[in-house]
Amino acid sequence: MYENLIPPLIILSILITLVLIPALLYAGLRKIADPVPLRLPLLLAVVVLLVKGVILQFSLIGESNSVAGLLMYYPLLFILLALAVITPYFRMGNRTGIRRPWIVFALLSFMSVALLLFSTLGESREGGPYSPFFPALPLTGWILDGAAAILNIPLVYSSLPVHTVLFEAGLYLEIFIMAALIYALMGMLNEEKTKI
């Protein structure tokens, strides 16, 4: 009877998460320090990546407790995506002229989840090496693939924790760059508006 409610509840929880997590992180970081130094959200992102790496390395979430895995792994991913969206705002927010930044955070969070879905739609081979980063991450994937090739590190494409953490770090950087570009564009438009 309740099985039909699960997909709409999952979609509703994701929508609430995309709107609430960036706004709550922004408000929480502003409570810690105002103005927020750039190193604080970056440090928090590194901590989230390390926690996810530990979870994967020690197989804390297995097939037997997949619900617990969903409840722990994906909120951490959404926190990482939200940090990528709000981090450049701490440096560029004053220039944008935005009075309610949580609206922009929600829109950029939807964009980041769309990028996440786009980047994870590739094929996966069970038991084979993991795919290169560039096809899924066009802005930062070539950096990760190049570093792995130059340093001759085969572990990058053979270890799930290493590949996943590097993939999510690259995704964080892509969303960070895209959000920074959007904030810069909004800042330029605000300057043009104030000149007129």
Protein backbone atom coordinates (compact mmCIF):
# COMPACT_ATOMS: atom_id res chain seq x y z
CA MET A 1 0.00 0.00 0.00
CA TYR A 2 2.73 2.45 0.94
CA GLU A 3 5.07 1.35 -1.84
CA ASN A 4 3.45 3.84 -4.23
CA LEU A 5 4.33 6.72 -1.91
CA ILE A 6 8.07 6.05 -1.93
CA PRO A 7 8.99 7.63 -5.32
CA PRO A 8 7.03 10.87 -4.73
CA LEU A 9 8.47 11.13 -1.21
CA ILE A 10 11.99 10.69 -2.57
CA ILE A 11 11.41 13.40 -5.18
CA LEU A 12 9.87 15.71 -2.56
CA SER A 13 12.77 15.15 -0.17
CA ILE A 14 15.28 15.90 -2.93
CA LEU A 15 13.46 19.14 -3.82
CA ILE A 16 13.34 20.20 -0.17
CA THR A 17 17.01 19.29 0.20
CA LEU A 18 17.99 21.37 -2.83
CA VAL A 19 16.23 24.42 -1.44
CA LEU A 20 17.05 24.01 2.26
CA ILE A 21 20.63 22.71 2.40
CA PRO A 22 22.29 25.66 0.60
CA ALA A 23 20.29 28.20 2.61
CA LEU A 24 21.02 26.45 5.91
CA LEU A 25 24.73 26.08 5.10
CA TYR A 26 24.92 29.74 4.13
CA ALA A 27 23.18 30.85 7.33
CA GLY A 28 25.27 28.48 9.47
CA LEU A 29 28.57 29.61 8.00
CA ARG A 30 27.54 33.25 8.43
CA LYS A 31 26.83 32.51 12.11
CA ILE A 32 30.32 31.06 12.53
CA ALA A 33 32.14 33.96 10.89
CA ASP A 34 30.93 37.09 9.17
CA PRO A 35 32.48 37.75 6.67
CA VAL A 36 33.04 34.08 5.94
CA PRO A 37 36.64 33.34 4.93
CA LEU A 38 36.90 31.26 1.76
CA ARG A 39 38.89 28.59 3.57
CA LEU A 40 35.95 27.69 5.84
CA PRO A 41 33.56 26.28 3.18
CA LEU A 42 36.52 24.75 1.32
CA LEU A 43 37.61 22.98 4.51
CA LEU A 44 34.06 21.75 5.04
CA ALA A 45 34.01 20.37 1.47
CA VAL A 46 37.29 18.53 2.10
CA VAL A 47 35.83 17.05 5.29
CA VAL A 48 32.75 15.84 3.39
CA LEU A 49 34.96 14.24 0.73
CA LEU A 50 37.07 12.54 3.39
CA VAL A 51 33.99 11.19 5.17
CA LYS A 52 32.67 9.79 1.91
CA GLY A 53 36.06 8.24 1.18
CA VAL A 54 36.15 6.56 4.59
CA ILE A 55 32.61 5.25 4.11
CA LEU A 56 33.59 3.72 0.77
CA GLN A 57 37.02 2.47 1.85
CA PHE A 58 35.78 0.54 4.87
CA SER A 59 32.51 -0.54 3.21
CA LEU A 60 30.45 0.92 6.02
CA ILE A 61 27.44 0.85 3.75
CA GLY A 62 26.81 -2.47 2.10
CA GLU A 63 24.06 -4.10 0.13
CA SER A 64 22.39 -5.34 3.31
CA ASN A 65 21.80 -1.80 4.59
CA SER A 66 21.15 0.07 1.35
CA VAL A 67 18.48 2.31 2.89
CA ALA A 68 20.99 3.52 5.49
CA GLY A 69 23.42 4.09 2.63
CA LEU A 70 20.94 6.25 0.76
CA LEU A 71 20.15 8.20 3.90
CA MET A 72 23.83 8.86 4.59
CA TYR A 73 25.59 8.96 1.23
CA TYR A 74 23.29 11.18 -0.83
CA PRO A 75 22.79 13.91 1.78
CA LEU A 76 26.58 14.17 1.95
CA LEU A 77 26.63 14.52 -1.83
CA PHE A 78 23.96 17.24 -1.68
CA ILE A 79 25.95 19.03 1.04
CA LEU A 80 29.02 18.92 -1.21
CA LEU A 81 27.04 20.30 -4.16
CA ALA A 82 25.52 23.02 -1.96
CA LEU A 83 28.99 24.01 -0.74
CA ALA A 84 30.11 24.33 -4.35
CA VAL A 85 27.19 26.67 -5.00
CA ILE A 86 27.56 28.92 -1.97
CA THR A 87 31.36 29.13 -1.66
CA PRO A 88 31.93 31.66 -4.47
CA TYR A 89 29.04 33.75 -3.18
CA PHE A 90 31.00 34.59 -0.04
CA ARG A 91 33.57 36.37 -2.23
CA MET A 92 31.33 37.79 -4.94
CA GLY A 93 27.96 38.19 -3.24
CA ASN A 94 28.24 41.89 -2.45
CA ARG A 95 28.74 42.76 -6.13
CA THR A 96 25.74 40.80 -7.38
CA GLY A 97 23.11 42.98 -5.71
CA ILE A 98 21.10 39.93 -4.64
CA ARG A 99 18.96 40.57 -1.59
CA ARG A 100 17.67 37.02 -1.17
CA PRO A 101 20.56 34.71 -2.07
CA TRP A 102 18.68 31.54 -1.14
CA ILE A 103 16.66 31.87 -4.38
CA VAL A 104 19.83 31.89 -6.49
CA PHE A 105 21.25 29.06 -4.37
CA ALA A 106 18.19 26.92 -5.11
CA LEU A 107 18.43 27.57 -8.86
CA LEU A 108 22.15 26.80 -8.92
CA SER A 109 21.54 23.67 -6.84
CA PHE A 110 19.09 22.44 -9.45
CA MET A 111 21.76 23.14 -12.06
CA SER A 112 24.34 21.20 -10.03
CA VAL A 113 22.05 18.17 -9.70
CA ALA A 114 21.38 18.30 -13.44
CA LEU A 115 25.16 18.28 -13.99
CA LEU A 116 25.46 15.37 -11.56
CA LEU A 117 22.81 13.40 -13.46
CA PHE A 118 24.47 14.22 -16.78
CA SER A 119 27.89 13.16 -15.52
CA THR A 120 26.72 9.84 -14.08
CA LEU A 121 24.75 8.60 -17.08
CA GLY A 122 27.73 6.80 -18.63
CA GLU A 123 28.19 3.07 -18.84
CA SER A 124 29.66 1.07 -16.00
CA ARG A 125 31.53 -2.18 -16.44
CA GLU A 126 31.30 -4.56 -13.51
CA GLY A 127 34.76 -5.72 -12.49
CA GLY A 128 36.54 -3.60 -15.11
CA PRO A 129 38.47 -0.37 -14.66
CA TYR A 130 36.51 2.78 -13.98
CA SER A 131 35.99 5.23 -16.82
CA PRO A 132 38.15 8.32 -17.36
CA PHE A 133 36.93 11.57 -15.85
CA PHE A 134 36.95 13.75 -18.97
CA PRO A 135 33.76 12.50 -20.68
CA ALA A 136 31.73 13.12 -17.53
CA LEU A 137 33.52 16.27 -16.32
CA PRO A 138 34.43 18.44 -19.32
CA LEU A 139 35.90 21.35 -17.30
CA THR A 140 37.98 19.50 -14.71
CA GLY A 141 38.06 15.90 -15.92
CA TRP A 142 41.02 16.47 -18.19
CA ILE A 143 43.03 17.78 -15.21
CA LEU A 144 42.29 14.65 -13.18
CA ASP A 145 43.00 12.32 -16.12
CA GLY A 146 46.20 14.20 -16.95
CA ALA A 147 47.45 14.11 -13.37
CA ALA A 148 46.74 10.36 -13.16
CA ALA A 149 48.60 9.80 -16.46
CA ILE A 150 51.58 12.00 -15.59
CA LEU A 151 51.98 10.51 -12.12
CA ASN A 152 51.27 7.01 -13.53
CA ILE A 153 48.76 6.16 -10.82
CA PRO A 154 46.69 3.14 -11.90
CA LEU A 155 44.93 3.20 -8.51
CA VAL A 156 42.75 6.07 -9.75
CA TYR A 157 40.93 3.82 -12.22
CA SER A 158 40.95 0.61 -10.16
CA SER A 159 39.87 1.68 -6.66
CA LEU A 160 36.26 2.66 -6.01
CA PRO A 161 36.98 5.02 -3.08
CA VAL A 162 39.79 6.86 -4.89
CA HIS A 163 37.84 7.15 -8.16
CA THR A 164 34.64 8.26 -6.40
CA VAL A 165 36.34 10.88 -4.22
CA LEU A 166 38.28 12.30 -7.17
CA PHE A 167 35.14 12.28 -9.33
CA GLU A 168 33.17 14.16 -6.67
CA ALA A 169 36.05 16.59 -6.11
CA GLY A 170 36.05 17.28 -9.86
CA LEU A 171 32.27 17.72 -9.79
CA TYR A 172 32.66 20.14 -6.86
CA LEU A 173 35.21 22.17 -8.85
CA GLU A 174 33.01 22.25 -11.96
CA ILE A 175 30.01 23.51 -10.02
CA PHE A 176 32.23 25.98 -8.14
CA ILE A 177 33.54 27.38 -11.44
CA MET A 178 30.08 27.58 -12.99
CA ALA A 179 28.60 29.28 -9.91
CA ALA A 180 31.51 31.75 -9.81
CA LEU A 181 30.94 32.60 -13.47
CA ILE A 182 27.23 33.15 -12.87
CA TYR A 183 27.93 35.37 -9.85
CA ALA A 184 30.49 37.34 -11.88
CA LEU A 185 27.94 37.80 -14.67
CA MET A 186 25.33 38.93 -12.16
CA GLY A 187 27.87 41.36 -10.71
CA MET A 188 28.60 42.84 -14.14
CA LEU A 189 24.88 43.20 -14.85
CA ASN A 190 24.38 44.90 -11.49
CA GLU A 191 27.21 47.36 -12.22
CA GLU A 192 25.66 48.18 -15.60
CA LYS A 193 22.27 48.67 -13.94
CA THR A 194 23.71 51.06 -11.34
CA LYS A 195 25.48 53.10 -14.05
CA ILE A 196 22.20 53.72 -15.85
